Amino acid sequence: MARGQQKIQSQQKRAKEIEKKKKAAAGMDSKAAGQKALTFKCIVCMTQMPDPKTYKQHFENKHPKATLPPELK
């Protein structure tokens, strides 16, 4: 078993590893949450948008010649 200084160093090393894992997990969670928030997908260019209002504005500005999808009417 480790004693004294070795024990302290081991605990510090383990604490750093745990902290790194938490930061990595937090980054993945926020990325996944952001992706989950984009619920609407443009049928023409496959761009994702968070709400129908933004989707309708996008569709009217970027694809004026295409017919409006039924979920926006």
N, C-alpha and C. Protein backbone atom coordinates (compact mmCIF):
# COMPACT_ATOMS: atom_id res chain seq x y z
N MET A 1 0.83 -1.18 0.00
CA MET A 1 0.00 0.00 0.00
C MET A 1 0.88 1.25 0.00
N ALA A 2 0.38 2.28 -0.65
CA ALA A 2 1.11 3.54 -0.70
C ALA A 2 0.95 4.29 0.61
N ARG A 3 2.02 4.93 1.01
CA ARG A 3 1.96 5.68 2.27
C ARG A 3 2.51 7.09 2.05
N GLY A 4 2.06 7.98 2.87
CA GLY A 4 2.60 9.33 2.88
C GLY A 4 2.46 10.07 1.57
N GLN A 5 3.60 10.52 1.02
CA GLN A 5 3.61 11.35 -0.18
C GLN A 5 3.02 10.61 -1.38
N GLN A 6 3.29 9.32 -1.54
CA GLN A 6 2.73 8.54 -2.65
C GLN A 6 1.21 8.54 -2.60
N LYS A 7 0.67 8.40 -1.43
CA LYS A 7 -0.78 8.37 -1.26
C LYS A 7 -1.40 9.70 -1.68
N ILE A 8 -0.80 10.79 -1.26
CA ILE A 8 -1.30 12.13 -1.61
C ILE A 8 -1.23 12.34 -3.12
N GLN A 9 -0.11 11.96 -3.74
CA GLN A 9 0.05 12.11 -5.18
C GLN A 9 -0.97 11.27 -5.93
N SER A 10 -1.21 10.07 -5.46
CA SER A 10 -2.18 9.19 -6.09
C SER A 10 -3.59 9.78 -6.02
N GLN A 11 -3.94 10.34 -4.88
CA GLN A 11 -5.26 10.95 -4.71
C GLN A 11 -5.41 12.16 -5.64
N GLN A 12 -4.37 12.97 -5.75
CA GLN A 12 -4.42 14.14 -6.62
C GLN A 12 -4.57 13.73 -8.08
N LYS A 13 -3.83 12.70 -8.46
CA LYS A 13 -3.89 12.20 -9.84
C LYS A 13 -5.30 11.69 -10.16
N ARG A 14 -5.86 10.95 -9.24
CA ARG A 14 -7.21 10.40 -9.42
C ARG A 14 -8.25 11.53 -9.50
N ALA A 15 -8.09 12.56 -8.68
CA ALA A 15 -9.01 13.70 -8.70
C ALA A 15 -8.96 14.42 -10.05
N LYS A 16 -7.74 14.57 -10.62
CA LYS A 16 -7.60 15.20 -11.93
C LYS A 16 -8.27 14.36 -13.02
N GLU A 17 -8.12 13.05 -12.96
CA GLU A 17 -8.75 12.17 -13.95
C GLU A 17 -10.27 12.27 -13.88
N ILE A 18 -10.81 12.28 -12.68
CA ILE A 18 -12.25 12.40 -12.52
C ILE A 18 -12.75 13.74 -13.05
N GLU A 19 -12.00 14.81 -12.80
CA GLU A 19 -12.38 16.14 -13.28
C GLU A 19 -12.38 16.19 -14.81
N LYS A 20 -11.38 15.58 -15.43
CA LYS A 20 -11.32 15.54 -16.90
C LYS A 20 -12.52 14.80 -17.47
N LYS A 21 -12.88 13.68 -16.85
CA LYS A 21 -14.02 12.91 -17.33
C LYS A 21 -15.31 13.69 -17.20
N LYS A 22 -15.47 14.44 -16.11
CA LYS A 22 -16.67 15.25 -15.92
C LYS A 22 -16.77 16.33 -16.98
N LYS A 23 -15.63 16.99 -17.27
CA LYS A 23 -15.63 18.04 -18.29
C LYS A 23 -15.97 17.47 -19.66
N ALA A 24 -15.43 16.32 -19.98
CA ALA A 24 -15.70 15.69 -21.27
C ALA A 24 -17.17 15.31 -21.38
N ALA A 25 -17.73 14.78 -20.31
CA ALA A 25 -19.14 14.39 -20.30
C ALA A 25 -20.03 15.61 -20.42
N ALA A 26 -19.67 16.70 -19.76
CA ALA A 26 -20.46 17.93 -19.82
C ALA A 26 -20.47 18.49 -21.23
N GLY A 27 -19.34 18.44 -21.92
CA GLY A 27 -19.27 18.92 -23.29
C GLY A 27 -20.16 18.12 -24.21
N MET A 28 -20.21 16.82 -24.03
CA MET A 28 -21.05 15.97 -24.85
C MET A 28 -22.52 16.24 -24.56
N ASP A 29 -22.84 16.47 -23.31
CA ASP A 29 -24.23 16.70 -22.94
C ASP A 29 -24.75 17.99 -23.56
N SER A 30 -23.96 19.04 -23.53
CA SER A 30 -24.42 20.30 -24.09
C SER A 30 -24.55 20.20 -25.61
N LYS A 31 -23.64 19.47 -26.22
CA LYS A 31 -23.71 19.28 -27.67
C LYS A 31 -24.95 18.48 -28.05
N ALA A 32 -25.22 17.43 -27.30
CA ALA A 32 -26.40 16.62 -27.56
C ALA A 32 -27.67 17.41 -27.31
N ALA A 33 -27.68 18.23 -26.28
CA ALA A 33 -28.85 19.05 -25.98
C ALA A 33 -29.10 20.06 -27.08
N GLY A 34 -28.04 20.65 -27.59
CA GLY A 34 -28.17 21.60 -28.68
C GLY A 34 -28.71 20.95 -29.94
N GLN A 35 -28.25 19.77 -30.22
CA GLN A 35 -28.71 19.03 -31.39
C GLN A 35 -30.17 18.62 -31.21
N LYS A 36 -30.55 18.26 -30.01
CA LYS A 36 -31.91 17.85 -29.73
C LYS A 36 -32.89 19.02 -29.90
N ALA A 37 -32.42 20.24 -29.62
CA ALA A 37 -33.28 21.42 -29.72
C ALA A 37 -33.64 21.75 -31.17
N LEU A 38 -32.84 21.29 -32.11
CA LEU A 38 -33.12 21.55 -33.53
C LEU A 38 -34.08 20.49 -34.04
N THR A 39 -35.37 20.80 -33.95
CA THR A 39 -36.38 19.79 -34.25
C THR A 39 -36.91 19.84 -35.68
N PHE A 40 -36.85 20.99 -36.32
CA PHE A 40 -37.40 21.11 -37.67
C PHE A 40 -36.29 21.03 -38.70
N LYS A 41 -36.54 20.29 -39.80
CA LYS A 41 -35.53 20.10 -40.84
C LYS A 41 -36.12 20.53 -42.17
N CYS A 42 -35.42 21.42 -42.85
CA CYS A 42 -35.87 21.92 -44.15
C CYS A 42 -35.89 20.77 -45.16
N ILE A 43 -36.99 20.66 -45.89
CA ILE A 43 -37.12 19.54 -46.84
C ILE A 43 -36.29 19.76 -48.10
N VAL A 44 -35.86 20.99 -48.35
CA VAL A 44 -35.08 21.29 -49.55
C VAL A 44 -33.58 21.15 -49.30
N CYS A 45 -33.07 21.84 -48.27
CA CYS A 45 -31.62 21.87 -48.04
C CYS A 45 -31.18 21.10 -46.80
N MET A 46 -32.10 20.51 -46.07
CA MET A 46 -31.84 19.70 -44.87
C MET A 46 -31.20 20.48 -43.72
N THR A 47 -31.36 21.80 -43.70
CA THR A 47 -30.88 22.60 -42.59
C THR A 47 -31.83 22.43 -41.42
N GLN A 48 -31.28 22.36 -40.20
CA GLN A 48 -32.13 22.17 -39.03
C GLN A 48 -32.40 23.50 -38.34
N MET A 49 -33.63 23.65 -37.83
CA MET A 49 -34.04 24.87 -37.15
C MET A 49 -34.79 24.55 -35.86
N PRO A 50 -34.77 25.47 -34.88
CA PRO A 50 -35.36 25.18 -33.58
C PRO A 50 -36.87 25.30 -33.50
N ASP A 51 -37.48 26.19 -34.29
CA ASP A 51 -38.92 26.38 -34.16
C ASP A 51 -39.56 26.65 -35.52
N PRO A 52 -40.89 26.52 -35.59
CA PRO A 52 -41.57 26.68 -36.89
C PRO A 52 -41.48 28.10 -37.45
N LYS A 53 -41.42 29.10 -36.60
CA LYS A 53 -41.33 30.48 -37.08
C LYS A 53 -40.03 30.69 -37.85
N THR A 54 -38.93 30.24 -37.29
CA THR A 54 -37.63 30.35 -37.95
C THR A 54 -37.62 29.53 -39.24
N TYR A 55 -38.22 28.36 -39.17
CA TYR A 55 -38.29 27.48 -40.34
C TYR A 55 -39.05 28.17 -41.47
N LYS A 56 -40.18 28.81 -41.14
CA LYS A 56 -40.98 29.48 -42.16
C LYS A 56 -40.21 30.64 -42.77
N GLN A 57 -39.54 31.44 -41.94
CA GLN A 57 -38.73 32.55 -42.46
C GLN A 57 -37.62 32.03 -43.37
N HIS A 58 -36.96 30.97 -42.95
CA HIS A 58 -35.90 30.37 -43.76
C HIS A 58 -36.46 29.92 -45.10
N PHE A 59 -37.57 29.23 -45.05
CA PHE A 59 -38.15 28.68 -46.27
C PHE A 59 -38.56 29.79 -47.24
N GLU A 60 -39.17 30.85 -46.71
CA GLU A 60 -39.60 31.95 -47.58
C GLU A 60 -38.42 32.71 -48.17
N ASN A 61 -37.33 32.84 -47.42
CA ASN A 61 -36.17 33.58 -47.91
C ASN A 61 -35.25 32.76 -48.80
N LYS A 62 -35.01 31.53 -48.44
CA LYS A 62 -34.03 30.71 -49.17
C LYS A 62 -34.64 29.92 -50.33
N HIS A 63 -35.91 29.58 -50.22
CA HIS A 63 -36.55 28.75 -51.25
C HIS A 63 -37.89 29.37 -51.68
N PRO A 64 -37.87 30.56 -52.27
CA PRO A 64 -39.13 31.24 -52.60
C PRO A 64 -39.95 30.54 -53.68
N LYS A 65 -39.31 29.80 -54.57
CA LYS A 65 -40.04 29.14 -55.65
C LYS A 65 -40.65 27.81 -55.22
N ALA A 66 -40.15 27.21 -54.16
CA ALA A 66 -40.67 25.93 -53.68
C ALA A 66 -41.98 26.14 -52.93
N THR A 67 -42.84 25.13 -52.97
CA THR A 67 -44.11 25.24 -52.26
C THR A 67 -43.88 25.04 -50.76
N LEU A 68 -44.68 25.73 -49.97
CA LEU A 68 -44.57 25.68 -48.52
C LEU A 68 -44.96 24.29 -48.00
N PRO A 69 -44.17 23.70 -47.13
CA PRO A 69 -44.50 22.37 -46.61
C PRO A 69 -45.78 22.43 -45.76
N PRO A 70 -46.49 21.31 -45.65
CA PRO A 70 -47.75 21.30 -44.90
C PRO A 70 -47.61 21.66 -43.42
N GLU A 71 -46.47 21.36 -42.80
CA GLU A 71 -46.33 21.67 -41.38
C GLU A 71 -46.19 23.17 -41.11
N LEU A 72 -45.98 23.98 -42.15
CA LEU A 72 -45.86 25.42 -41.99
C LEU A 72 -47.13 26.19 -42.36
N LYS A 73 -48.11 25.50 -42.91
CA LYS A 73 -49.36 26.17 -43.32
C LYS A 73 -50.29 26.35 -42.15
